[in-house]
């Protein structure tokens, strides 16, 4: 049973190395999707922290603020909360940068594999979504 359109035949042999490239491409595309989901979650969290920072800055400077640490809330001075939020924002920005770099590296490798596979198989293989 052939899956090619009627009148076309597949004359390209799939070697073990080709199959390894196809498998690697599949793993990379799944990994990239996972990175993008994580990046979206971190972006949402960063937006939340930005909004929270703006709200905290509007509060009275002398008061204490409930700050969530793990599963509990702790009363901290306003200045301490502002400092912690700034640190949290920096940590989040570093994580987002690392994920963006990982996505870029993954995409570069996917492009290399895609070029190699299309060069050998042409229209016989579909690596696009």
N, C-alpha and C. Protein backbone atom coordinates (compact mmCIF):
# COMPACT_ATOMS: atom_id res chain seq x y z
N UNK A 1 0.84 -1.17 0.00
CA UNK A 1 0.00 0.00 0.00
C UNK A 1 0.88 1.23 0.00
N UNK A 2 0.66 2.14 -0.91
CA UNK A 2 1.43 3.37 -1.05
C UNK A 2 0.62 4.55 -0.53
N UNK A 3 1.27 5.47 0.13
CA UNK A 3 0.60 6.67 0.60
C UNK A 3 0.89 7.86 -0.29
N UNK A 4 1.68 7.66 -1.33
CA UNK A 4 1.99 8.72 -2.28
C UNK A 4 0.84 8.87 -3.27
N UNK A 5 0.73 10.06 -3.88
CA UNK A 5 -0.30 10.22 -4.90
C UNK A 5 -0.10 9.23 -6.04
N UNK A 6 -1.17 8.91 -6.71
CA UNK A 6 -1.13 7.92 -7.79
C UNK A 6 -0.16 8.37 -8.87
N UNK A 7 0.69 7.47 -9.30
CA UNK A 7 1.65 7.76 -10.35
C UNK A 7 3.02 8.15 -9.82
N UNK A 8 3.15 8.43 -8.52
CA UNK A 8 4.45 8.78 -7.95
C UNK A 8 4.99 7.60 -7.16
N UNK A 9 6.29 7.43 -7.25
CA UNK A 9 6.93 6.37 -6.47
C UNK A 9 8.06 7.00 -5.65
N UNK A 10 8.33 6.38 -4.55
CA UNK A 10 9.39 6.85 -3.67
C UNK A 10 10.64 6.03 -3.97
N UNK A 11 11.66 6.69 -4.48
CA UNK A 11 12.88 5.98 -4.84
C UNK A 11 14.02 6.29 -3.87
N UNK A 12 13.76 7.05 -2.83
CA UNK A 12 14.79 7.42 -1.87
C UNK A 12 14.79 6.45 -0.71
N UNK A 13 15.94 5.88 -0.45
CA UNK A 13 16.10 4.97 0.68
C UNK A 13 16.31 5.77 1.96
N UNK A 14 15.69 5.33 3.03
CA UNK A 14 15.86 5.97 4.33
C UNK A 14 16.92 5.18 5.09
N UNK A 15 18.07 5.82 5.30
CA UNK A 15 19.15 5.16 6.02
C UNK A 15 18.94 5.32 7.52
N UNK A 16 19.77 4.61 8.26
CA UNK A 16 19.70 4.68 9.72
C UNK A 16 20.00 6.11 10.17
N UNK A 17 20.98 6.77 9.55
CA UNK A 17 21.33 8.15 9.90
C UNK A 17 20.17 9.09 9.61
N UNK A 18 19.47 8.87 8.49
CA UNK A 18 18.31 9.69 8.16
C UNK A 18 17.22 9.53 9.21
N UNK A 19 16.99 8.31 9.62
CA UNK A 19 15.98 8.06 10.63
C UNK A 19 16.35 8.73 11.95
N UNK A 20 17.65 8.73 12.29
CA UNK A 20 18.11 9.40 13.50
C UNK A 20 17.88 10.90 13.41
N UNK A 21 18.09 11.49 12.23
CA UNK A 21 17.84 12.92 12.04
C UNK A 21 16.35 13.23 12.18
N UNK A 22 15.52 12.38 11.62
CA UNK A 22 14.06 12.57 11.73
C UNK A 22 13.63 12.49 13.19
N UNK A 23 14.16 11.50 13.90
CA UNK A 23 13.83 11.36 15.33
C UNK A 23 14.31 12.56 16.13
N UNK A 24 15.51 13.04 15.83
CA UNK A 24 16.04 14.20 16.54
C UNK A 24 15.17 15.44 16.26
N UNK A 25 14.75 15.60 15.01
CA UNK A 25 13.89 16.72 14.66
C UNK A 25 12.58 16.65 15.46
N UNK A 26 12.02 15.47 15.56
CA UNK A 26 10.78 15.29 16.31
C UNK A 26 10.97 15.66 17.78
N UNK A 27 12.07 15.21 18.37
CA UNK A 27 12.35 15.54 19.77
C UNK A 27 12.55 17.03 19.95
N UNK A 28 13.24 17.65 19.00
CA UNK A 28 13.51 19.09 19.10
C UNK A 28 12.23 19.91 19.00
N UNK A 29 11.33 19.50 18.12
CA UNK A 29 10.10 20.26 17.97
C UNK A 29 9.24 20.15 19.23
N UNK A 30 9.25 18.99 19.86
CA UNK A 30 8.53 18.82 21.13
C UNK A 30 9.18 19.65 22.24
N UNK A 31 10.50 19.66 22.27
CA UNK A 31 11.23 20.43 23.27
C UNK A 31 10.97 21.92 23.08
N UNK A 32 10.97 22.37 21.84
CA UNK A 32 10.71 23.78 21.55
C UNK A 32 9.30 24.17 22.00
N UNK A 33 8.34 23.30 21.73
CA UNK A 33 6.97 23.56 22.18
C UNK A 33 6.90 23.68 23.70
N UNK A 34 7.62 22.82 24.40
CA UNK A 34 7.65 22.86 25.86
C UNK A 34 8.29 24.16 26.35
N UNK A 35 9.39 24.57 25.71
CA UNK A 35 10.03 25.83 26.08
C UNK A 35 9.08 27.00 25.88
N UNK A 36 8.33 26.98 24.79
CA UNK A 36 7.41 28.08 24.50
C UNK A 36 6.27 28.15 25.52
N UNK A 37 5.80 27.00 25.96
CA UNK A 37 4.76 26.98 27.00
C UNK A 37 5.31 27.55 28.31
N UNK A 38 6.52 27.11 28.67
CA UNK A 38 7.15 27.62 29.90
C UNK A 38 7.38 29.12 29.80
N UNK A 39 7.81 29.59 28.63
CA UNK A 39 8.05 31.01 28.43
C UNK A 39 6.75 31.81 28.57
N UNK A 40 5.67 31.28 28.05
CA UNK A 40 4.38 31.95 28.17
C UNK A 40 3.95 32.03 29.64
N UNK A 41 4.17 30.96 30.39
CA UNK A 41 3.84 30.97 31.81
C UNK A 41 4.68 31.99 32.58
N UNK A 42 5.98 32.04 32.27
CA UNK A 42 6.84 33.01 32.93
C UNK A 42 6.48 34.44 32.55
N UNK A 43 6.09 34.63 31.31
CA UNK A 43 5.67 35.95 30.85
C UNK A 43 4.43 36.41 31.61
N UNK A 44 3.49 35.47 31.79
CA UNK A 44 2.29 35.78 32.55
C UNK A 44 2.64 36.13 34.00
N UNK A 45 3.54 35.37 34.58
CA UNK A 45 3.97 35.63 35.96
C UNK A 45 4.68 36.99 36.06
N UNK A 46 5.49 37.32 35.05
CA UNK A 46 6.19 38.61 35.05
C UNK A 46 5.19 39.76 34.96
N UNK A 47 4.17 39.61 34.12
CA UNK A 47 3.12 40.63 34.04
C UNK A 47 2.45 40.82 35.39
N UNK A 48 2.19 39.70 36.07
CA UNK A 48 1.57 39.75 37.39
C UNK A 48 2.49 40.49 38.38
N UNK A 49 3.78 40.16 38.36
CA UNK A 49 4.71 40.83 39.27
C UNK A 49 4.83 42.32 38.95
N UNK A 50 4.80 42.68 37.69
CA UNK A 50 4.85 44.10 37.31
C UNK A 50 3.64 44.85 37.85
N UNK A 51 2.47 44.24 37.66
CA UNK A 51 1.25 44.85 38.19
C UNK A 51 1.30 44.98 39.71
N UNK A 52 1.78 43.92 40.35
CA UNK A 52 1.89 43.92 41.81
C UNK A 52 2.86 44.99 42.28
N UNK A 53 3.97 45.14 41.59
CA UNK A 53 4.95 46.16 41.96
C UNK A 53 4.35 47.56 41.88
N UNK A 54 3.57 47.80 40.85
CA UNK A 54 2.92 49.11 40.73
C UNK A 54 1.94 49.36 41.87
N UNK A 55 1.18 48.34 42.22
CA UNK A 55 0.22 48.48 43.31
C UNK A 55 0.93 48.70 44.65
N UNK A 56 2.03 47.98 44.87
CA UNK A 56 2.77 48.11 46.14
C UNK A 56 3.36 49.50 46.27
N UNK A 57 3.83 50.06 45.14
CA UNK A 57 4.42 51.41 45.19
C UNK A 57 3.38 52.46 45.58
N UNK A 58 2.11 52.20 45.31
CA UNK A 58 1.06 53.15 45.65
C UNK A 58 0.66 53.10 47.12
N UNK A 59 1.05 52.05 47.81
CA UNK A 59 0.69 51.90 49.23
C UNK A 59 1.50 52.85 50.10
N UNK A 60 1.02 53.02 51.33
CA UNK A 60 1.69 53.86 52.32
C UNK A 60 3.06 53.26 52.63
N UNK A 61 4.10 54.08 52.64
CA UNK A 61 5.47 53.60 52.86
C UNK A 61 5.73 53.08 54.27
N UNK A 62 4.94 53.51 55.24
CA UNK A 62 5.19 53.13 56.62
C UNK A 62 4.57 51.78 57.00
N UNK A 63 3.60 51.33 56.25
CA UNK A 63 2.85 50.15 56.64
C UNK A 63 3.54 48.83 56.34
N UNK A 64 2.92 47.79 56.84
CA UNK A 64 3.39 46.44 56.55
C UNK A 64 2.46 45.81 55.53
N UNK A 65 3.04 44.88 54.76
CA UNK A 65 2.32 44.28 53.65
C UNK A 65 2.41 42.77 53.77
N UNK A 66 1.31 42.08 53.46
CA UNK A 66 1.35 40.63 53.39
C UNK A 66 2.14 40.22 52.16
N UNK A 67 3.15 39.38 52.37
CA UNK A 67 3.99 38.89 51.27
C UNK A 67 3.96 37.37 51.31
N UNK A 68 3.70 36.77 50.17
CA UNK A 68 3.57 35.31 50.11
C UNK A 68 4.95 34.68 49.95
N UNK A 69 5.27 33.81 50.90
CA UNK A 69 6.49 33.00 50.85
C UNK A 69 6.06 31.54 50.86
N UNK A 70 6.19 30.89 49.74
CA UNK A 70 5.73 29.51 49.64
C UNK A 70 4.22 29.47 49.73
N UNK A 71 3.70 28.79 50.76
CA UNK A 71 2.26 28.67 50.94
C UNK A 71 1.72 29.60 52.02
N UNK A 72 2.59 30.38 52.65
CA UNK A 72 2.16 31.24 53.75
C UNK A 72 2.38 32.71 53.43
N UNK A 73 1.66 33.55 54.14
CA UNK A 73 1.83 34.99 54.02
C UNK A 73 2.53 35.51 55.27
N UNK A 74 3.46 36.43 55.05
CA UNK A 74 4.24 37.00 56.14
C UNK A 74 4.11 38.52 56.05
N UNK A 75 3.96 39.17 57.20
CA UNK A 75 3.92 40.63 57.22
C UNK A 75 5.34 41.17 57.14
N UNK A 76 5.61 41.96 56.10
CA UNK A 76 6.93 42.56 55.91
C UNK A 76 6.77 44.06 55.70
N UNK A 77 7.85 44.78 55.99
CA UNK A 77 7.83 46.22 55.76
C UNK A 77 7.73 46.50 54.26
N UNK A 78 7.15 47.61 53.95
CA UNK A 78 6.93 48.02 52.56
C UNK A 78 8.24 48.00 51.76
N UNK A 79 9.31 48.55 52.33
CA UNK A 79 10.59 48.61 51.61
C UNK A 79 11.15 47.22 51.34
N UNK A 80 10.94 46.31 52.29
CA UNK A 80 11.41 44.94 52.13
C UNK A 80 10.65 44.23 51.01
N UNK A 81 9.36 44.48 50.94
CA UNK A 81 8.54 43.86 49.89
C UNK A 81 8.95 44.38 48.52
N UNK A 82 9.20 45.69 48.41
CA UNK A 82 9.62 46.28 47.14
C UNK A 82 10.94 45.65 46.69
N UNK A 83 11.87 45.50 47.62
CA UNK A 83 13.15 44.88 47.30
C UNK A 83 12.98 43.44 46.85
N UNK A 84 12.15 42.70 47.55
CA UNK A 84 11.91 41.29 47.18
C UNK A 84 11.26 41.19 45.80
N UNK A 85 10.32 42.07 45.53
CA UNK A 85 9.66 42.05 44.21
C UNK A 85 10.64 42.38 43.10
N UNK A 86 11.54 43.31 43.34
CA UNK A 86 12.56 43.64 42.34
C UNK A 86 13.47 42.44 42.09
N UNK A 87 13.86 41.76 43.17
CA UNK A 87 14.69 40.56 43.02
C UNK A 87 13.95 39.46 42.28
N UNK A 88 12.68 39.26 42.62
CA UNK A 88 11.88 38.25 41.93
C UNK A 88 11.77 38.56 40.44
N UNK A 89 11.61 39.85 40.13
CA UNK A 89 11.53 40.26 38.74
C UNK A 89 12.83 39.98 37.99
N UNK A 90 13.97 40.23 38.64
CA UNK A 90 15.26 39.95 38.02
C UNK A 90 15.46 38.46 37.78
N UNK A 91 15.11 37.65 38.77
CA UNK A 91 15.23 36.20 38.62
C UNK A 91 14.34 35.71 37.46
N UNK A 92 13.14 36.23 37.39
CA UNK A 92 12.21 35.86 36.33
C UNK A 92 12.74 36.28 34.96
N UNK A 93 13.31 37.47 34.89
CA UNK A 93 13.87 37.95 33.62
C UNK A 93 15.03 37.05 33.17
N UNK A 94 15.86 36.60 34.11
CA UNK A 94 16.97 35.70 33.77
C UNK A 94 16.45 34.37 33.24
N UNK A 95 15.41 33.84 33.90
CA UNK A 95 14.82 32.57 33.44
C UNK A 95 14.24 32.72 32.04
N UNK A 96 13.57 33.85 31.80
CA UNK A 96 12.97 34.08 30.49
C UNK A 96 14.05 34.21 29.41
N UNK A 97 15.15 34.88 29.72
CA UNK A 97 16.25 35.02 28.77
C UNK A 97 16.86 33.66 28.47
N UNK A 98 17.04 32.84 29.49
CA UNK A 98 17.59 31.50 29.29
C UNK A 98 16.67 30.66 28.39
N UNK A 99 15.36 30.75 28.62
CA UNK A 99 14.41 30.01 27.79
C UNK A 99 14.42 30.52 26.35
N UNK A 100 14.49 31.83 26.18
CA UNK A 100 14.54 32.39 24.83
C UNK A 100 15.79 31.92 24.10
N UNK A 101 16.92 31.86 24.81
CA UNK A 101 18.15 31.35 24.21
C UNK A 101 18.02 29.88 23.85
N UNK A 102 17.39 29.10 24.71
CA UNK A 102 17.18 27.68 24.43
C UNK A 102 16.29 27.49 23.21
N UNK A 103 15.26 28.32 23.09
CA UNK A 103 14.38 28.25 21.91
C UNK A 103 15.17 28.57 20.65
N UNK A 104 16.01 29.58 20.73
CA UNK A 104 16.80 29.98 19.57
C UNK A 104 17.77 28.88 19.14
N UNK A 105 18.47 28.29 20.10
CA UNK A 105 19.41 27.20 19.80
C UNK A 105 18.67 26.00 19.21
N UNK A 106 17.53 25.68 19.79
CA UNK A 106 16.73 24.56 19.30
C UNK A 106 16.25 24.82 17.89
N UNK A 107 15.79 26.05 17.62
CA UNK A 107 15.32 26.39 16.28
C UNK A 107 16.44 26.32 15.26
N UNK A 108 17.64 26.75 15.64
CA UNK A 108 18.79 26.67 14.73
C UNK A 108 19.09 25.22 14.35
N UNK A 109 19.08 24.34 15.34
CA UNK A 109 19.35 22.92 15.06
C UNK A 109 18.23 22.33 14.21
N UNK A 110 17.00 22.72 14.48
CA UNK A 110 15.88 22.23 13.67
C UNK A 110 16.04 22.67 12.22
N UNK A 111 16.48 23.91 12.01
CA UNK A 111 16.67 24.40 10.65
C UNK A 111 17.77 23.63 9.93
N UNK A 112 18.85 23.30 10.65
CA UNK A 112 19.92 22.49 10.07
C UNK A 112 19.39 21.13 9.63
N UNK A 113 18.67 20.47 10.53
CA UNK A 113 18.11 19.15 10.21
C UNK A 113 17.11 19.24 9.07
N UNK A 114 16.28 20.27 9.09
CA UNK A 114 15.28 20.44 8.05
C UNK A 114 15.95 20.59 6.68
N UNK A 115 17.02 21.39 6.63
CA UNK A 115 17.75 21.56 5.37
C UNK A 115 18.35 20.25 4.88
N UNK A 116 18.94 19.49 5.79
CA UNK A 116 19.54 18.21 5.43
C UNK A 116 18.48 17.23 4.92
N UNK A 117 17.37 17.16 5.63
CA UNK A 117 16.33 16.20 5.26
C UNK A 117 15.62 16.60 3.97
N UNK A 118 15.33 17.88 3.79
CA UNK A 118 14.70 18.31 2.54
C UNK A 118 15.65 18.15 1.37
N UNK A 119 16.97 18.32 1.61
CA UNK A 119 17.94 18.13 0.52
C UNK A 119 17.93 16.69 0.03
N UNK A 120 17.72 15.75 0.93
CA UNK A 120 17.74 14.35 0.53
C UNK A 120 16.36 13.88 0.05
N UNK A 121 15.31 14.25 0.76
CA UNK A 121 13.99 13.68 0.47
C UNK A 121 13.09 14.60 -0.35
N UNK A 122 13.40 15.87 -0.42
CA UNK A 122 12.59 16.80 -1.21
C UNK A 122 11.14 16.84 -0.72
N UNK A 123 10.21 16.69 -1.65
CA UNK A 123 8.79 16.76 -1.31
C UNK A 123 8.26 15.45 -0.69
N UNK A 124 9.11 14.45 -0.57
CA UNK A 124 8.69 13.18 0.02
C UNK A 124 8.52 13.24 1.52
N UNK A 125 9.03 14.32 2.13
CA UNK A 125 8.95 14.44 3.59
C UNK A 125 8.33 15.79 3.93
N UNK A 126 7.55 15.82 4.98
CA UNK A 126 6.92 17.06 5.43
C UNK A 126 7.36 17.33 6.86
N UNK A 127 8.11 18.40 7.04
CA UNK A 127 8.60 18.76 8.37
C UNK A 127 7.94 20.03 8.89
N UNK A 128 6.97 20.53 8.15
CA UNK A 128 6.25 21.74 8.57
C UNK A 128 4.96 21.35 9.25
N UNK A 129 4.48 22.25 10.07
CA UNK A 129 3.22 21.99 10.76
C UNK A 129 2.06 22.39 9.91
